[in-house]
Amino acid sequence: MSVTRLKRKHRKNIARANNKQHIIKELLRTPVLKNVDLEELKSRFTTTGGVAGAVAAVKNTATAAVEKAKEVVGDVAEKVKEAATSTDEKADNAAAFDDAEAVTKPVNEDGQGGEHPKPEIAL
């Protein structure tokens, strides 16, 4: 007689074992809480003074966010102004460069520019 293996049952058994190992690993990952001072934790949450304290905290964070936004907008505005003035300067410099090049660039009698003009090739 030949031996038959129950492949589906074998896969289920392996899956069960893997699932149990995974559960154990997850349980070991969670830290164990020891020596926790409950009074200190409670004091962190009760110092704000209820709803009024929460509103004050939100107001403080909102004003801080607004101030930060104003700083960022001011920085961006300065950068835009610098970029605008630099493009004007670049245009002025380009025009001055073209003027200087037109004056100092040598041209021979054939109308070719440069220090070493290309010779004409007679065909």
PDB file of N, CA and C in Angstrom:
ATOM      1  N   MET A   1       0.821  -1.171   0.000  1.00  0.00           N
ATOM      2  CA  MET A   1       0.000   0.000   0.000  1.00  0.00           C
ATOM      3  C   MET A   1       0.879   1.253   0.000  1.00  0.00           C
ATOM      4  N   SER A   2       0.359   2.237  -0.632  1.00  0.00           N
ATOM      5  CA  SER A   2       1.124   3.485  -0.648  1.00  0.00           C
ATOM      6  C   SER A   2       0.695   4.351   0.530  1.00  0.00           C
ATOM      7  N   VAL A   3       1.600   5.251   0.892  1.00  0.00           N
ATOM      8  CA  VAL A   3       1.343   6.140   2.010  1.00  0.00           C
ATOM      9  C   VAL A   3       0.727   7.427   1.471  1.00  0.00           C
ATOM     10  N   THR A   4      -0.371   7.816   2.044  1.00  0.00           N
ATOM     11  CA  THR A   4      -0.980   9.084   1.639  1.00  0.00           C
ATOM     12  C   THR A   4      -0.753  10.105   2.729  1.00  0.00           C
ATOM     13  N   ARG A   5      -0.473  11.300   2.304  1.00  0.00           N
ATOM     14  CA  ARG A   5      -0.278  12.387   3.265  1.00  0.00           C
ATOM     15  C   ARG A   5      -1.457  13.325   3.176  1.00  0.00           C
ATOM     16  N   LEU A   6      -1.867  13.814   4.316  1.00  0.00           N
ATOM     17  CA  LEU A   6      -2.958  14.781   4.349  1.00  0.00           C
ATOM     18  C   LEU A   6      -2.339  16.177   4.277  1.00  0.00           C
ATOM     19  N   LYS A   7      -2.198  16.672   3.057  1.00  0.00           N
ATOM     20  CA  LYS A   7      -1.485  17.926   2.849  1.00  0.00           C
ATOM     21  C   LYS A   7      -2.232  19.111   3.455  1.00  0.00           C
ATOM     22  N   ARG A   8      -3.549  19.131   3.295  1.00  0.00           N
ATOM     23  CA  ARG A   8      -4.313  20.247   3.808  1.00  0.00           C
ATOM     24  C   ARG A   8      -4.238  20.301   5.326  1.00  0.00           C
ATOM     25  N   LYS A   9      -4.342  19.131   5.978  1.00  0.00           N
ATOM     26  CA  LYS A   9      -4.259  19.084   7.440  1.00  0.00           C
ATOM     27  C   LYS A   9      -2.858  19.503   7.897  1.00  0.00           C
ATOM     28  N   HIS A  10      -1.857  19.105   7.162  1.00  0.00           N
ATOM     29  CA  HIS A  10      -0.485  19.472   7.509  1.00  0.00           C
ATOM     30  C   HIS A  10      -0.306  20.997   7.459  1.00  0.00           C
ATOM     31  N   ARG A  11      -0.854  21.629   6.420  1.00  0.00           N
ATOM     32  CA  ARG A  11      -0.752  23.092   6.309  1.00  0.00           C
ATOM     33  C   ARG A  11      -1.497  23.782   7.442  1.00  0.00           C
ATOM     34  N   LYS A  12      -2.654  23.252   7.819  1.00  0.00           N
ATOM     35  CA  LYS A  12      -3.414  23.835   8.926  1.00  0.00           C
ATOM     36  C   LYS A  12      -2.650  23.724  10.236  1.00  0.00           C
ATOM     37  N   ASN A  13      -2.011  22.585  10.462  1.00  0.00           N
ATOM     38  CA  ASN A  13      -1.241  22.399  11.698  1.00  0.00           C
ATOM     39  C   ASN A  13      -0.073  23.381  11.762  1.00  0.00           C
ATOM     40  N   ILE A  14       0.598  23.558  10.651  1.00  0.00           N
ATOM     41  CA  ILE A  14       1.731  24.496  10.615  1.00  0.00           C
ATOM     42  C   ILE A  14       1.236  25.924  10.841  1.00  0.00           C
ATOM     43  N   ALA A  15       0.104  26.274  10.226  1.00  0.00           N
ATOM     44  CA  ALA A  15      -0.447  27.617  10.391  1.00  0.00           C
ATOM     45  C   ALA A  15      -0.830  27.857  11.843  1.00  0.00           C
ATOM     46  N   ARG A  16      -1.424  26.851  12.505  1.00  0.00           N
ATOM     47  CA  ARG A  16      -1.781  27.008  13.917  1.00  0.00           C
ATOM     48  C   ARG A  16      -0.540  27.267  14.762  1.00  0.00           C
ATOM     49  N   ALA A  17       0.503  26.493  14.533  1.00  0.00           N
ATOM     50  CA  ALA A  17       1.729  26.654  15.310  1.00  0.00           C
ATOM     51  C   ALA A  17       2.330  28.042  15.080  1.00  0.00           C
ATOM     52  N   ASN A  18       2.339  28.484  13.828  1.00  0.00           N
ATOM     53  CA  ASN A  18       2.894  29.806  13.528  1.00  0.00           C
ATOM     54  C   ASN A  18       2.069  30.907  14.179  1.00  0.00           C
ATOM     55  N   ASN A  19       0.736  30.757  14.158  1.00  0.00           N
ATOM     56  CA  ASN A  19      -0.123  31.758  14.785  1.00  0.00           C
ATOM     57  C   ASN A  19       0.128  31.833  16.282  1.00  0.00           C
ATOM     58  N   LYS A  20       0.277  30.689  16.931  1.00  0.00           N
ATOM     59  CA  LYS A  20       0.530  30.686  18.372  1.00  0.00           C
ATOM     60  C   LYS A  20       1.875  31.331  18.696  1.00  0.00           C
ATOM     61  N   GLN A  21       2.877  31.030  17.890  1.00  0.00           N
ATOM     62  CA  GLN A  21       4.183  31.658  18.100  1.00  0.00           C
ATOM     63  C   GLN A  21       4.092  33.167  17.912  1.00  0.00           C
ATOM     64  N   HIS A  22       3.333  33.598  16.917  1.00  0.00           N
ATOM     65  CA  HIS A  22       3.172  35.026  16.666  1.00  0.00           C
ATOM     66  C   HIS A  22       2.478  35.708  17.842  1.00  0.00           C
ATOM     67  N   ILE A  23       1.459  35.072  18.394  1.00  0.00           N
ATOM     68  CA  ILE A  23       0.749  35.637  19.540  1.00  0.00           C
ATOM     69  C   ILE A  23       1.692  35.782  20.733  1.00  0.00           C
ATOM     70  N   ILE A  24       2.498  34.760  20.968  1.00  0.00           N
ATOM     71  CA  ILE A  24       3.449  34.805  22.089  1.00  0.00           C
ATOM     72  C   ILE A  24       4.451  35.930  21.887  1.00  0.00           C
ATOM     73  N   LYS A  25       4.951  36.084  20.670  1.00  0.00           N
ATOM     74  CA  LYS A  25       5.907  37.158  20.394  1.00  0.00           C
ATOM     75  C   LYS A  25       5.278  38.524  20.604  1.00  0.00           C
ATOM     76  N   GLU A  26       4.022  38.696  20.184  1.00  0.00           N
ATOM     77  CA  GLU A  26       3.334  39.975  20.387  1.00  0.00           C
ATOM     78  C   GLU A  26       3.167  40.281  21.871  1.00  0.00           C
ATOM     79  N   LEU A  27       2.838  39.246  22.664  1.00  0.00           N
ATOM     80  CA  LEU A  27       2.675  39.458  24.097  1.00  0.00           C
ATOM     81  C   LEU A  27       3.998  39.819  24.761  1.00  0.00           C
ATOM     82  N   LEU A  28       5.083  39.269  24.269  1.00  0.00           N
ATOM     83  CA  LEU A  28       6.390  39.568  24.849  1.00  0.00           C
ATOM     84  C   LEU A  28       6.870  40.959  24.456  1.00  0.00           C
ATOM     85  N   ARG A  29       6.364  41.471  23.343  1.00  0.00           N
ATOM     86  CA  ARG A  29       6.777  42.805  22.893  1.00  0.00           C
ATOM     87  C   ARG A  29       6.228  43.915  23.765  1.00  0.00           C
ATOM     88  N   THR A  30       5.060  43.748  24.325  1.00  0.00           N
ATOM     89  CA  THR A  30       4.467  44.810  25.137  1.00  0.00           C
ATOM     90  C   THR A  30       5.259  44.969  26.423  1.00  0.00           C
ATOM     91  N   PRO A  31       5.615  46.175  26.790  1.00  0.00           N
ATOM     92  CA  PRO A  31       6.426  46.368  27.991  1.00  0.00           C
ATOM     93  C   PRO A  31       5.617  46.101  29.257  1.00  0.00           C
ATOM     94  N   VAL A  32       6.306  45.641  30.256  1.00  0.00           N
ATOM     95  CA  VAL A  32       5.687  45.383  31.542  1.00  0.00           C
ATOM     96  C   VAL A  32       5.757  46.673  32.348  1.00  0.00           C
ATOM     97  N   LEU A  33       4.611  47.118  32.856  1.00  0.00           N
ATOM     98  CA  LEU A  33       4.566  48.347  33.634  1.00  0.00           C
ATOM     99  C   LEU A  33       4.880  48.030  35.088  1.00  0.00           C
ATOM    100  N   LYS A  34       5.966  48.591  35.549  1.00  0.00           N
ATOM    101  CA  LYS A  34       6.357  48.399  36.938  1.00  0.00           C
ATOM    102  C   LYS A  34       6.696  49.754  37.537  1.00  0.00           C
ATOM    103  N   ASN A  35       6.433  49.904  38.802  1.00  0.00           N
ATOM    104  CA  ASN A  35       6.774  51.122  39.550  1.00  0.00           C
ATOM    105  C   ASN A  35       6.208  52.380  38.888  1.00  0.00           C
ATOM    106  N   VAL A  36       4.944  52.330  38.538  1.00  0.00           N
ATOM    107  CA  VAL A  36       4.298  53.486  37.938  1.00  0.00           C
ATOM    108  C   VAL A  36       3.649  54.297  39.052  1.00  0.00           C
ATOM    109  N   ASP A  37       3.953  55.588  39.066  1.00  0.00           N
ATOM    110  CA  ASP A  37       3.378  56.465  40.073  1.00  0.00           C
ATOM    111  C   ASP A  37       2.065  57.024  39.533  1.00  0.00           C
ATOM    112  N   LEU A  38       0.950  56.462  39.991  1.00  0.00           N
ATOM    113  CA  LEU A  38      -0.352  56.866  39.498  1.00  0.00           C
ATOM    114  C   LEU A  38      -0.681  58.305  39.863  1.00  0.00           C
ATOM    115  N   GLU A  39      -0.286  58.744  41.013  1.00  0.00           N
ATOM    116  CA  GLU A  39      -0.579  60.119  41.436  1.00  0.00           C
ATOM    117  C   GLU A  39       0.128  61.130  40.532  1.00  0.00           C
ATOM    118  N   GLU A  40       1.353  60.804  40.123  1.00  0.00           N
ATOM    119  CA  GLU A  40       2.104  61.703  39.237  1.00  0.00           C
ATOM    120  C   GLU A  40       1.427  61.771  37.867  1.00  0.00           C
ATOM    121  N   LEU A  41       0.946  60.625  37.376  1.00  0.00           N
ATOM    122  CA  LEU A  41       0.240  60.620  36.089  1.00  0.00           C
ATOM    123  C   LEU A  41      -1.053  61.418  36.174  1.00  0.00           C
ATOM    124  N   LYS A  42      -1.792  61.250  37.258  1.00  0.00           N
ATOM    125  CA  LYS A  42      -3.044  61.987  37.417  1.00  0.00           C
ATOM    126  C   LYS A  42      -2.787  63.486  37.513  1.00  0.00           C
ATOM    127  N   SER A  43      -1.690  63.874  38.148  1.00  0.00           N
ATOM    128  CA  SER A  43      -1.396  65.294  38.300  1.00  0.00           C
ATOM    129  C   SER A  43      -1.090  65.957  36.958  1.00  0.00           C
ATOM    130  N   ARG A  44      -0.568  65.209  36.015  1.00  0.00           N
ATOM    131  CA  ARG A  44      -0.297  65.766  34.683  1.00  0.00           C
ATOM    132  C   ARG A  44      -1.582  66.200  33.981  1.00  0.00           C
ATOM    133  N   PHE A  45      -2.646  65.448  34.182  1.00  0.00           N
ATOM    134  CA  PHE A  45      -3.873  65.725  33.456  1.00  0.00           C
ATOM    135  C   PHE A  45      -4.788  66.696  34.190  1.00  0.00           C
ATOM    136  N   THR A  46      -4.632  66.870  35.474  1.00  0.00           N
ATOM    137  CA  THR A  46      -5.554  67.728  36.214  1.00  0.00           C
ATOM    138  C   THR A  46      -5.015  69.137  36.411  1.00  0.00           C
ATOM    139  N   THR A  47      -3.802  69.441  36.010  1.00  0.00           N
ATOM    140  CA  THR A  47      -3.241  70.769  36.241  1.00  0.00           C
ATOM    141  C   THR A  47      -3.803  71.816  35.297  1.00  0.00           C
ATOM    142  N   THR A  48      -4.414  71.413  34.182  1.00  0.00           N
ATOM    143  CA  THR A  48      -4.910  72.388  33.216  1.00  0.00           C
ATOM    144  C   THR A  48      -6.159  73.091  33.715  1.00  0.00           C
ATOM    145  N   GLY A  49      -6.868  72.526  34.697  1.00  0.00           N
ATOM    146  CA  GLY A  49      -8.034  73.201  35.262  1.00  0.00           C
ATOM    147  C   GLY A  49      -9.298  72.953  34.473  1.00  0.00           C
ATOM    148  N   GLY A  50      -9.452  71.800  33.882  1.00  0.00           N
ATOM    149  CA  GLY A  50     -10.687  71.451  33.182  1.00  0.00           C
ATOM    150  C   GLY A  50     -10.777  72.085  31.812  1.00  0.00           C
ATOM    151  N   VAL A  51     -11.992  72.493  31.464  1.00  0.00           N
ATOM    152  CA  VAL A  51     -12.263  73.028  30.132  1.00  0.00           C
ATOM    153  C   VAL A  51     -11.581  74.377  29.925  1.00  0.00           C
ATOM    154  N   ALA A  52     -11.579  75.209  30.941  1.00  0.00           N
ATOM    155  CA  ALA A  52     -10.955  76.530  30.812  1.00  0.00           C
ATOM    156  C   ALA A  52      -9.458  76.391  30.551  1.00  0.00           C
ATOM    157  N   GLY A  53      -8.833  75.446  31.237  1.00  0.00           N
ATOM    158  CA  GLY A  53      -7.401  75.222  31.010  1.00  0.00           C
ATOM    159  C   GLY A  53      -7.131  74.690  29.618  1.00  0.00           C
ATOM    160  N   ALA A  54      -8.023  73.816  29.137  1.00  0.00           N
ATOM    161  CA  ALA A  54      -7.852  73.272  27.794  1.00  0.00           C
ATOM    162  C   ALA A  54      -8.003  74.369  26.749  1.00  0.00           C
ATOM    163  N   VAL A  55      -8.960  75.262  26.963  1.00  0.00           N
ATOM    164  CA  VAL A  55      -9.158  76.375  26.033  1.00  0.00           C
ATOM    165  C   VAL A  55      -7.944  77.296  26.032  1.00  0.00           C
ATOM    166  N   ALA A  56      -7.396  77.542  27.213  1.00  0.00           N
ATOM    167  CA  ALA A  56      -6.210  78.395  27.305  1.00  0.00           C
ATOM    168  C   ALA A  56      -5.024  77.748  26.601  1.00  0.00           C
ATOM    169  N   ALA A  57      -4.885  76.435  26.748  1.00  0.00           N
ATOM    170  CA  ALA A  57      -3.780  75.740  26.091  1.00  0.00           C
ATOM    171  C   ALA A  57      -3.928  75.799  24.578  1.00  0.00           C
ATOM    172  N   VAL A  58      -5.141  75.613  24.079  1.00  0.00           N
ATOM    173  CA  VAL A  58      -5.384  75.683  22.639  1.00  0.00           C
ATOM    174  C   VAL A  58      -5.127  77.096  22.129  1.00  0.00           C
ATOM    175  N   LYS A  59      -5.531  78.091  22.904  1.00  0.00           N
ATOM    176  CA  LYS A  59      -5.317  79.478  22.509  1.00  0.00           C
ATOM    177  C   LYS A  59      -3.824  79.792  22.417  1.00  0.00           C
ATOM    178  N   ASN A  60      -3.051  79.307  23.389  1.00  0.00           N
ATOM    179  CA  ASN A  60      -1.603  79.542  23.370  1.00  0.00           C
ATOM    180  C   ASN A  60      -0.956  78.891  22.157  1.00  0.00           C
ATOM    181  N   THR A  61      -1.346  77.663  21.853  1.00  0.00           N
ATOM    182  CA  THR A  61      -0.750  76.991  20.699  1.00  0.00           C
ATOM    183  C   THR A  61      -1.176  77.671  19.398  1.00  0.00           C
ATOM    184  N   ALA A  62      -2.420  78.172  19.358  1.00  0.00           N
ATOM    185  CA  ALA A  62      -2.880  78.855  18.144  1.00  0.00           C
ATOM    186  C   ALA A  62      -2.110  80.151  17.920  1.00  0.00           C
ATOM    187  N   THR A  63      -1.875  80.910  18.990  1.00  0.00           N
ATOM    188  CA  THR A  63      -1.122  82.159  18.825  1.00  0.00           C
ATOM    189  C   THR A  63       0.312  81.875  18.415  1.00  0.00           C
ATOM    190  N   ALA A  64       0.873  80.804  18.956  1.00  0.00           N
ATOM    191  CA  ALA A  64       2.240  80.439  18.559  1.00  0.00           C
ATOM    192  C   ALA A  64       2.280  80.055  17.085  1.00  0.00           C
ATOM    193  N   ALA A  65       1.261  79.333  16.626  1.00  0.00           N
ATOM    194  CA  ALA A  65       1.211  78.935  15.218  1.00  0.00           C
ATOM    195  C   ALA A  65       1.051  80.154  14.314  1.00  0.00           C
ATOM    196  N   VAL A  66       0.242  81.112  14.734  1.00  0.00           N
ATOM    197  CA  VAL A  66       0.047  82.329  13.933  1.00  0.00           C
ATOM    198  C   VAL A  66       1.352  83.112  13.842  1.00  0.00           C
ATOM    199  N   GLU A  67       2.073  83.228  14.957  1.00  0.00           N
ATOM    200  CA  GLU A  67       3.352  83.952  14.945  1.00  0.00           C
ATOM    201  C   GLU A  67       4.347  83.267  14.013  1.00  0.00           C
ATOM    202  N   LYS A  68       4.382  81.933  14.064  1.00  0.00           N
ATOM    203  CA  LYS A  68       5.291  81.186  13.194  1.00  0.00           C
ATOM    204  C   LYS A  68       4.914  81.397  11.732  1.00  0.00           C
ATOM    205  N   ALA A  69       3.617  81.414  11.438  1.00  0.00           N
ATOM    206  CA  ALA A  69       3.167  81.633  10.065  1.00  0.00           C
ATOM    207  C   ALA A  69       3.559  83.026   9.585  1.00  0.00           C
ATOM    208  N   LYS A  70       3.438  84.041  10.467  1.00  0.00           N
ATOM    209  CA  LYS A  70       3.841  85.397  10.088  1.00  0.00           C
ATOM    210  C   LYS A  70       5.329  85.456   9.768  1.00  0.00           C
ATOM    211  N   GLU A  71       6.139  84.759  10.560  1.00  0.00           N
ATOM    212  CA  GLU A  71       7.583  84.735  10.291  1.00  0.00           C
ATOM    213  C   GLU A  71       7.874  84.106   8.936  1.00  0.00           C
ATOM    214  N   VAL A  72       7.204  82.982   8.648  1.00  0.00           N
ATOM    215  CA  VAL A  72       7.436  82.285   7.379  1.00  0.00           C
ATOM    216  C   VAL A  72       7.011  83.159   6.211  1.00  0.00           C
ATOM    217  N   VAL A  73       5.856  83.822   6.331  1.00  0.00           N
ATOM    218  CA  VAL A  73       5.379  84.687   5.253  1.00  0.00           C
ATOM    219  C   VAL A  73       6.337  85.855   5.053  1.00  0.00           C
ATOM    220  N   GLY A  74       6.846  86.416   6.148  1.00  0.00           N
ATOM    221  CA  GLY A  74       7.810  87.512   6.030  1.00  0.00           C
ATOM    222  C   GLY A  74       9.085  87.069   5.330  1.00  0.00           C
ATOM    223  N   ASP A  75       9.572  85.875   5.666  1.00  0.00           N
ATOM    224  CA  ASP A  75      10.778  85.349   5.011  1.00  0.00           C
ATOM    225  C   ASP A  75      10.544  85.143   3.520  1.00  0.00           C
ATOM    226  N   VAL A  76       9.378  84.594   3.178  1.00  0.00           N
ATOM    227  CA  VAL A  76       9.073  84.354   1.768  1.00  0.00           C
ATOM    228  C   VAL A  76       8.965  85.677   1.017  1.00  0.00           C
ATOM    229  N   ALA A  77       8.356  86.682   1.643  1.00  0.00           N
ATOM    230  CA  ALA A  77       8.227  87.992   0.993  1.00  0.00           C
ATOM    231  C   ALA A  77       9.602  88.602   0.737  1.00  0.00           C
ATOM    232  N   GLU A  78      10.499  88.485   1.695  1.00  0.00           N
ATOM    233  CA  GLU A  78      11.854  89.006   1.501  1.00  0.00           C
ATOM    234  C   GLU A  78      12.561  88.287   0.362  1.00  0.00           C
ATOM    235  N   LYS A  79      12.397  86.968   0.286  1.00  0.00           N
ATOM    236  CA  LYS A  79      13.038  86.207  -0.788  1.00  0.00           C
ATOM    237  C   LYS A  79      12.494  86.613  -2.152  1.00  0.00           C
ATOM    238  N   VAL A  80      11.180  86.860  -2.223  1.00  0.00           N
ATOM    239  CA  VAL A  80      10.578  87.283  -3.490  1.00  0.00           C
ATOM    240  C   VAL A  80      11.116  88.647  -3.897  1.00  0.00           C
ATOM    241  N   LYS A  81      11.233  89.573  -2.929  1.00  0.00           N
ATOM    242  CA  LYS A  81      11.772  90.904  -3.242  1.00  0.00           C
ATOM    243  C   LYS A  81      13.211  90.796  -3.736  1.00  0.00           C
ATOM    244  N   GLU A  82      14.010  89.949  -3.077  1.00  0.00           N
ATOM    245  CA  GLU A  82      15.401  89.769  -3.507  1.00  0.00           C
ATOM    246  C   GLU A  82      15.461  89.195  -4.911  1.00  0.00           C
ATOM    247  N   ALA A  83      14.583  88.227  -5.208  1.00  0.00           N
ATOM    248  CA  ALA A  83      14.574  87.621  -6.537  1.00  0.00           C
ATOM    249  C   ALA A  83      14.173  88.641  -7.588  1.00  0.00           C
ATOM    250  N   ALA A  84      13.199  89.486  -7.254  1.00  0.00           N
ATOM    251  CA  ALA A  84      12.752  90.499  -8.219  1.00  0.00           C
ATOM    252  C   ALA A  84      13.858  91.513  -8.492  1.00  0.00           C
ATOM    253  N   THR A  85      14.549  91.958  -7.459  1.00  0.00           N
ATOM    254  CA  THR A  85      15.621  92.927  -7.681  1.00  0.00           C
ATOM    255  C   THR A  85      16.804  92.289  -8.391  1.00  0.00           C
ATOM    256  N   SER A  86      17.053  91.005  -8.108  1.00  0.00           N
ATOM    257  CA  SER A  86      18.192  90.361  -8.768  1.00  0.00           C
ATOM    258  C   SER A  86      17.929  90.169 -10.254  1.00  0.00           C
ATOM    259  N   THR A  87      16.661  89.941 -10.660  1.00  0.00           N
ATOM    260  CA  THR A  87      16.380  89.799 -12.090  1.00  0.00           C
ATOM    261  C   THR A  87      16.574  91.130 -12.799  1.00  0.00           C
ATOM    262  N   ASP A  88      16.231  92.245 -12.139  1.00  0.00           N
ATOM    263  CA  ASP A  88      16.479  93.559 -12.731  1.00  0.00           C
ATOM    264  C   ASP A  88      17.978  93.785 -12.898  1.00  0.00           C
ATOM    265  N   GLU A  89      18.738  93.428 -11.880  1.00  0.00           N
ATOM    266  CA  GLU A  89      20.185  93.585 -11.954  1.00  0.00           C
ATOM    267  C   GLU A  89      20.769  92.697 -13.046  1.00  0.00           C
ATOM    268  N   LYS A  90      20.240  91.484 -13.186  1.00  0.00           N
ATOM    269  CA  LYS A  90      20.731  90.576 -14.222  1.00  0.00           C
ATOM    270  C   LYS A  90      20.450  91.148 -15.602  1.00  0.00           C
ATOM    271  N   ALA A  91      19.269  91.724 -15.776  1.00  0.00           N
ATOM    272  CA  ALA A  91      18.928  92.309 -17.075  1.00  0.00           C
ATOM    273  C   ALA A  91      19.847  93.496 -17.372  1.00  0.00           C
ATOM    274  N   ASP A  92      20.099  94.334 -16.362  1.00  0.00           N
ATOM    275  CA  ASP A  92      21.001  95.470 -16.553  1.00  0.00           C
ATOM    276  C   ASP A  92      22.407  94.997 -16.885  1.00  0.00           C
ATOM    277  N   ASN A  93      22.865  93.966 -16.162  1.00  0.00           N
ATOM    278  CA  ASN A  93      24.200  93.432 -16.420  1.00  0.00           C
ATOM    279  C   ASN A  93      24.296  92.831 -17.815  1.00  0.00           C
ATOM    280  N   ALA A  94      23.247  92.150 -18.268  1.00  0.00           N
ATOM    281  CA  ALA A  94      23.256  91.547 -19.595  1.00  0.00           C
ATOM    282  C   ALA A  94      23.310  92.630 -20.665  1.00  0.00           C
ATOM    283  N   ALA A  95      22.548  93.696 -20.472  1.00  0.00           N
ATOM    284  CA  ALA A  95      22.566  94.799 -21.448  1.00  0.00           C
ATOM    285  C   ALA A  95      23.939  95.457 -21.480  1.00  0.00           C
ATOM    286  N   ALA A  96      24.543  95.674 -20.322  1.00  0.00           N
ATOM    287  CA  ALA A  96      25.868  96.284 -20.271  1.00  0.00           C
ATOM    288  C   ALA A  96      26.902  95.372 -20.919  1.00  0.00           C
ATOM    289  N   PHE A  97      26.754  94.066 -20.715  1.00  0.00           N
ATOM    290  CA  PHE A  97      27.694  93.112 -21.316  1.00  0.00           C
ATOM    291  C   PHE A  97      27.576  93.137 -22.829  1.00  0.00           C
ATOM    292  N   ASP A  98      26.339  93.175 -23.335  1.00  0.00           N
ATOM    293  CA  ASP A  98      26.145  93.221 -24.783  1.00  0.00           C
ATOM    294  C   ASP A  98      26.736  94.504 -25.367  1.00  0.00           C
ATOM    295  N   ASP A  99      26.557  95.623 -24.673  1.00  0.00           N
ATOM    296  CA  ASP A  99      27.117  96.887 -25.148  1.00  0.00           C
ATOM    297  C   ASP A  99      28.637  96.820 -25.186  1.00  0.00           C
ATOM    298  N   ALA A 100      29.228  96.293 -24.142  1.00  0.00           N
ATOM    299  CA  ALA A 100      30.686  96.203 -24.076  1.00  0.00           C
ATOM    300  C   ALA A 100      31.214  95.272 -25.148  1.00  0.00           C
ATOM    301  N   GLU A 101      30.508  94.154 -25.373  1.00  0.00           N
ATOM    302  CA  GLU A 101      30.957  93.198 -26.383  1.00  0.00           C
ATOM    303  C   GLU A 101      30.858  93.815 -27.780  1.00  0.00           C
ATOM    304  N   ALA A 102      29.817  94.608 -28.015  1.00  0.00           N
ATOM    305  CA  ALA A 102      29.645  95.227 -29.329  1.00  0.00           C
ATOM    306  C   ALA A 102      30.761  96.228 -29.595  1.00  0.00           C
ATOM    307  N   VAL A 103      31.235  96.886 -28.562  1.00  0.00           N
ATOM    308  CA  VAL A 103      32.274  97.886 -28.751  1.00  0.00           C
ATOM    309  C   VAL A 103      33.637  97.227 -28.920  1.00  0.00           C
ATOM    310  N   THR A 104      33.932  96.201 -28.125  1.00  0.00           N
ATOM    311  CA  THR A 104      35.283  95.656 -28.092  1.00  0.00           C
ATOM    312  C   THR A 104      35.495  94.479 -29.021  1.00  0.00           C
ATOM    313  N   LYS A 105      34.448  93.932 -29.603  1.00  0.00           N
ATOM    314  CA  LYS A 105      34.613  92.746 -30.439  1.00  0.00           C
ATOM    315  C   LYS A 105      35.155  93.162 -31.807  1.00  0.00           C
ATOM    316  N   PRO A 106      36.313  92.624 -32.163  1.00  0.00           N
ATOM    317  CA  PRO A 106      36.873  93.016 -33.467  1.00  0.00           C
ATOM    318  C   PRO A 106      36.122  92.370 -34.619  1.00  0.00           C
ATOM    319  N   VAL A 107      36.001  93.125 -35.691  1.00  0.00           N
ATOM    320  CA  VAL A 107      35.336  92.627 -36.894  1.00  0.00           C
ATOM    321  C   VAL A 107      36.263  92.916 -38.060  1.00  0.00           C
ATOM    322  N   ASN A 108      36.474  91.918 -38.913  1.00  0.00           N
ATOM    323  CA  ASN A 108      37.349  92.143 -40.070  1.00  0.00           C
ATOM    324  C   ASN A 108      36.543  92.713 -41.234  1.00  0.00           C
ATOM    325  N   GLU A 109      37.208  92.894 -42.355  1.00  0.00           N
ATOM    326  CA  GLU A 109      36.534  93.524 -43.489  1.00  0.00           C
ATOM    327  C   GLU A 109      35.455  92.647 -44.104  1.00  0.00           C
ATOM    328  N   ASP A 110      35.488  91.335 -43.829  1.00  0.00           N
ATOM    329  CA  ASP A 110      34.444  90.448 -44.351  1.00  0.00           C
ATOM    330  C   ASP A 110      33.209  90.424 -43.452  1.00  0.00           C
ATOM    331  N   GLY A 111      33.261  91.087 -42.285  1.00  0.00           N
ATOM    332  CA  GLY A 111      32.128  91.110 -41.374  1.00  0.00           C
ATOM    333  C   GLY A 111      32.139  89.962 -40.382  1.00  0.00           C
ATOM    334  N   GLN A 112      33.243  89.214 -40.333  1.00  0.00           N
ATOM    335  CA  GLN A 112      33.338  88.111 -39.386  1.00  0.00           C
ATOM    336  C   GLN A 112      33.897  88.630 -38.080  1.00  0.00           C
ATOM    337  N   GLY A 113      33.296  88.185 -36.987  1.00  0.00           N
ATOM    338  CA  GLY A 113      33.729  88.658 -35.688  1.00  0.00           C
ATOM    339  C   GLY A 113      34.729  87.720 -35.053  1.00  0.00           C
ATOM    340  N   GLY A 114      35.411  88.205 -34.039  1.00  0.00           N
ATOM    341  CA  GLY A 114      36.354  87.388 -33.299  1.00  0.00           C
ATOM    342  C   GLY A 114      37.775  87.772 -33.589  1.00  0.00           C
ATOM    343  N   GLU A 115      38.702  87.245 -32.767  1.00  0.00           N
ATOM    344  CA  GLU A 115      40.112  87.561 -32.959  1.00  0.00           C
ATOM    345  C   GLU A 115      40.694  86.829 -34.150  1.00  0.00           C
ATOM    346  N   HIS A 116      40.231  85.606 -34.372  1.00  0.00           N
ATOM    347  CA  HIS A 116      40.745  84.789 -35.475  1.00  0.00           C
ATOM    348  C   HIS A 116      39.591  84.452 -36.411  1.00  0.00           C
ATOM    349  N   PRO A 117      39.316  85.282 -37.391  1.00  0.00           N
ATOM    350  CA  PRO A 117      38.188  85.019 -38.281  1.00  0.00           C
ATOM    351  C   PRO A 117      38.456  83.806 -39.164  1.00  0.00           C
ATOM    352  N   LYS A 118      37.359  83.151 -39.567  1.00  0.00           N
ATOM    353  CA  LYS A 118      37.486  81.977 -40.417  1.00  0.00           C
ATOM    354  C   LYS A 118      37.801  82.407 -41.842  1.00  0.00           C
ATOM    355  N   PRO A 119      38.707  81.698 -42.471  1.00  0.00           N
ATOM    356  CA  PRO A 119      39.017  82.081 -43.850  1.00  0.00           C
ATOM    357  C   PRO A 119      37.879  81.694 -44.788  1.00  0.00           C
ATOM    358  N   GLU A 120      37.716  82.494 -45.835  1.00  0.00           N
ATOM    359  CA  GLU A 120      36.717  82.203 -46.825  1.00  0.00           C
ATOM    360  C   GLU A 120      37.242  81.086 -47.731  1.00  0.00           C
ATOM    361  N   ILE A 121      36.361  80.157 -48.030  1.00  0.00           N
ATOM    362  CA  ILE A 121      36.747  79.053 -48.915  1.00  0.00           C
ATOM    363  C   ILE A 121      36.110  79.310 -50.267  1.00  0.00           C
ATOM    364  N   ALA A 122      36.928  79.375 -51.283  1.00  0.00           N
ATOM    365  CA  ALA A 122      36.427  79.616 -52.629  1.00  0.00           C
ATOM    366  C   ALA A 122      36.006  78.275 -53.225  1.00  0.00           C
ATOM    367  N   LEU A 123      34.821  78.223 -53.737  1.00  0.00           N
ATOM    368  CA  LEU A 123      34.349  76.985 -54.366  1.00  0.00           C
ATOM    369  C   LEU A 123      34.444  77.061 -55.850  1.00  0.00           C
TER     370      LEU A 123
END
